[in-house]
Protein backbone atom coordinates (compact mmCIF):
# COMPACT_ATOMS: atom_id res chain seq x y z
CA UNK A 1 255.10 184.10 72.17
CA UNK A 2 251.78 182.56 73.22
CA UNK A 3 248.72 182.31 71.08
CA UNK A 4 246.87 184.97 73.13
CA UNK A 5 249.80 187.37 72.88
CA UNK A 6 249.91 186.98 69.07
CA UNK A 7 246.13 187.27 68.90
CA UNK A 8 246.25 190.50 70.77
CA UNK A 9 249.12 191.79 68.63
CA UNK A 10 247.15 191.03 65.43
CA UNK A 11 243.84 192.28 66.83
CA UNK A 12 244.87 195.77 67.75
CA UNK A 13 246.10 196.95 64.29
CA UNK A 14 243.08 195.33 62.66
CA UNK A 15 240.79 197.18 65.22
CA UNK A 16 242.43 200.54 64.38
CA UNK A 17 242.27 199.84 60.58
CA UNK A 18 238.65 198.81 60.79
CA UNK A 19 237.70 201.94 62.79
CA UNK A 20 233.96 201.00 63.24
CA UNK A 21 233.33 203.97 65.50
CA UNK A 22 234.74 206.33 62.83
CA UNK A 23 232.54 204.75 60.16
CA UNK A 24 229.27 205.47 62.10
CA UNK A 25 228.77 208.94 60.63
CA UNK A 26 229.11 207.50 57.07
CA UNK A 27 226.62 204.68 57.91
CA UNK A 28 224.19 207.34 59.09
CA UNK A 29 224.78 209.44 55.90
CA UNK A 30 224.33 206.51 53.66
CA UNK A 31 221.28 204.96 55.46
CA UNK A 32 219.48 208.16 56.64
CA UNK A 33 216.48 207.43 54.34
CA UNK A 34 216.11 203.77 55.17
CA UNK A 35 213.83 202.03 57.55
CA UNK A 36 215.27 200.37 60.62
CA UNK A 37 214.88 197.00 58.95
CA UNK A 38 216.64 198.20 55.71
CA UNK A 39 219.42 199.70 57.76
CA UNK A 40 220.10 196.52 59.74
CA UNK A 41 219.91 194.40 56.52
CA UNK A 42 222.37 196.86 54.86
CA UNK A 43 224.80 196.66 57.72
CA UNK A 44 224.49 192.87 57.63
CA UNK A 45 225.39 192.97 53.91
CA UNK A 46 228.28 195.25 54.62
CA UNK A 47 229.74 193.04 57.29
CA UNK A 48 229.24 189.82 55.08
CA UNK A 49 230.98 191.67 52.16
CA UNK A 50 233.83 192.74 54.35
CA UNK A 51 234.21 189.20 55.68
CA UNK A 52 234.20 187.70 52.24
CA UNK A 53 236.62 190.25 50.79
CA UNK A 54 238.99 189.93 53.68
CA UNK A 55 239.01 186.10 53.60
CA UNK A 56 239.57 186.11 49.84
CA UNK A 57 242.35 188.61 50.21
CA UNK A 58 244.05 186.55 52.86
CA UNK A 59 243.73 183.48 50.65
CA UNK A 60 244.66 184.87 47.22
CA UNK A 61 245.13 188.63 47.43
CA UNK A 62 248.90 188.76 47.05
CA UNK A 63 248.94 186.23 44.26
CA UNK A 64 246.13 188.01 42.31
CA UNK A 65 247.89 191.34 42.72
CA UNK A 66 251.07 189.85 41.43
CA UNK A 67 249.34 188.10 38.52
CA UNK A 68 247.50 191.26 37.41
CA UNK A 69 250.40 193.56 38.16
CA UNK A 70 248.34 195.54 40.61
CA UNK A 71 250.22 197.05 43.53
CA UNK A 72 248.87 198.06 46.91
CA UNK A 73 249.36 201.62 45.77
CA UNK A 74 246.94 201.14 42.94
CA UNK A 75 244.42 199.81 45.35
CA UNK A 76 244.89 202.85 47.63
CA UNK A 77 244.39 205.24 44.74
CA UNK A 78 241.21 203.46 43.42
CA UNK A 79 239.68 203.22 46.89
CA UNK A 80 240.60 206.91 47.58
CA UNK A 81 238.94 208.04 44.30
CA UNK A 82 235.80 206.10 45.06
CA UNK A 83 235.48 207.69 48.50
CA UNK A 84 236.24 211.16 47.10
CA UNK A 85 233.48 210.89 44.58
CA UNK A 86 230.95 209.78 47.29
CA UNK A 87 232.04 212.60 49.62
CA UNK A 88 231.77 215.30 46.98
CA UNK A 89 228.43 213.98 45.77
CA UNK A 90 227.05 214.01 49.42
CA UNK A 91 228.33 217.58 50.03
CA UNK A 92 226.78 218.79 46.71
CA UNK A 93 223.45 216.89 46.69
CA UNK A 94 222.91 215.69 50.25
CA UNK A 95 223.05 212.02 49.12
CA UNK A 96 226.01 209.75 48.56
CA UNK A 97 224.07 207.21 46.41
CA UNK A 98 220.59 206.89 45.15
CA UNK A 99 219.09 203.83 46.64
CA UNK A 100 215.73 202.32 45.50
CA UNK A 101 213.55 201.24 48.33
CA UNK A 102 214.38 197.65 49.41
CA UNK A 103 217.81 197.72 47.60
CA UNK A 104 220.09 198.41 50.58
CA UNK A 105 222.17 195.36 49.73
CA UNK A 106 223.71 197.51 46.93
CA UNK A 107 225.04 200.04 49.26
CA UNK A 108 225.90 197.41 51.87
CA UNK A 109 228.42 195.99 49.28
CA UNK A 110 229.90 199.14 47.93
CA UNK A 111 230.72 201.58 49.57
CA UNK A 112 229.88 200.29 53.12
CA UNK A 113 231.33 196.65 52.79
CA UNK A 114 234.26 198.00 50.94
CA UNK A 115 235.97 200.41 51.11
CA UNK A 116 234.49 201.59 54.48
CA UNK A 117 234.31 198.54 56.69
CA UNK A 118 237.07 196.59 54.93
CA UNK A 119 239.05 198.94 52.75
CA UNK A 120 242.72 199.36 51.84
CA UNK A 121 243.90 199.87 55.39
CA UNK A 122 242.32 196.65 56.60
CA UNK A 123 243.48 194.69 53.53
CA UNK A 124 247.02 195.93 53.82
CA UNK A 125 247.00 195.13 57.50
CA UNK A 126 245.79 191.68 56.74
CA UNK A 127 248.60 191.09 54.24
CA UNK A 128 251.20 192.33 56.69
CA UNK A 129 249.79 190.18 59.59
CA UNK A 130 249.62 186.96 57.55
CA UNK A 131 253.22 187.38 56.72
CA UNK A 132 254.11 187.86 60.43
CA UNK A 133 251.73 185.50 62.27
CA UNK A 134 250.09 182.17 61.71
CA UNK A 135 246.83 182.19 59.69
CA UNK A 136 245.12 180.70 62.71
CA UNK A 137 246.01 183.79 64.69
CA UNK A 138 245.08 186.35 62.03
CA UNK A 139 241.68 184.69 61.07
CA UNK A 140 240.19 184.90 64.57
CA UNK A 141 241.47 188.46 64.92
CA UNK A 142 239.78 189.51 61.71
CA UNK A 143 236.51 187.83 62.43
CA UNK A 144 236.35 189.24 65.99
CA UNK A 145 236.99 192.71 64.65
CA UNK A 146 234.14 192.25 62.08
CA UNK A 147 231.78 191.02 64.96
CA UNK A 148 232.62 194.13 66.93
CA UNK A 149 232.15 196.36 63.90
CA UNK A 150 228.77 194.84 63.27
CA UNK A 151 227.72 195.37 66.84
CA UNK A 152 228.80 199.04 66.75
CA UNK A 153 227.25 199.75 63.34
CA UNK A 154 224.03 198.02 64.15
CA UNK A 155 223.56 200.59 66.88
CA UNK A 156 223.40 203.35 64.27
CA UNK A 157 219.56 203.59 64.75
CA UNK A 158 219.97 204.31 68.41
CA UNK A 159 222.50 207.04 67.54
CA UNK A 160 220.21 208.52 64.87
CA UNK A 161 217.44 208.70 67.36
CA UNK A 162 219.70 210.34 69.89
CA UNK A 163 220.83 213.02 67.36
CA UNK A 164 217.55 213.56 65.71
CA UNK A 165 217.12 214.70 62.04
CA UNK A 166 219.14 217.89 62.30
CA UNK A 167 222.05 216.22 64.22
CA UNK A 168 222.10 213.40 61.69
CA UNK A 169 222.34 215.80 58.80
CA UNK A 170 225.03 217.93 60.45
CA UNK A 171 227.07 214.86 61.42
CA UNK A 172 226.73 213.40 57.97
CA UNK A 173 228.02 216.66 56.37
CA UNK A 174 230.95 216.81 58.74
CA UNK A 175 231.58 213.07 58.01
CA UNK A 176 231.54 213.79 54.24
CA UNK A 177 234.31 216.48 54.74
CA UNK A 178 236.32 213.93 56.83
CA UNK A 179 235.65 211.28 54.15
CA UNK A 180 236.96 213.56 51.49
CA UNK A 181 240.07 214.21 53.51
CA UNK A 182 240.63 210.51 54.14
CA UNK A 183 240.06 209.85 50.37
CA UNK A 184 242.81 212.49 49.49
CA UNK A 185 245.11 210.82 52.03
CA UNK A 186 244.64 207.39 50.45
CA UNK A 187 245.25 208.84 46.96
CA UNK A 188 248.33 210.75 48.19
CA UNK A 189 249.75 207.56 49.87
CA UNK A 190 249.13 205.56 46.74
CA UNK A 191 250.79 208.32 44.44
CA UNK A 192 253.78 208.60 46.84
CA UNK A 193 254.20 204.81 46.74
CA UNK A 194 253.90 204.78 42.95
CA UNK A 195 256.57 207.56 42.61
CA UNK A 196 258.75 205.86 45.15
CA UNK A 197 259.05 209.01 47.35
């Protein structure tokens, strides 16, 4: 198989796992009270966090998990619980997190950087791909996916202007319901894996 074929075969599952388009409503919900500059900075932090986490996971993820006795199922459950808490909080209060002005880097790291941009699905996919393809195939695929995610997510302002305030609120509430469902799915997958079903 050629390098380009392997690159394509590693790019597609990472693209699906990253799901930048599906993350847009959550970006809008989390950054709805930010200025444009704060939103762009937050998305930059999220992308950098995702890159750092993904690279660290490629390098030492499997070893650290083995050393600590943490299984991927544990990671799925923890990520799912975090997302579920955020979704329920947003549905009840209209806010996922309370962000002080100028402190977008906090939300850019968690929950945007992880588990939304690079979460259990991306990390699991990275582990599987590194076991199947060369590191020099998986790394460019991962970085290219993050560049695409950044380009899509950085257009959140344009989408917010298109939807206007009411549309953004409605979209963010629907996104919170979807996020809760995704969270339950991650928890369920983790529990099923732990129970060996």
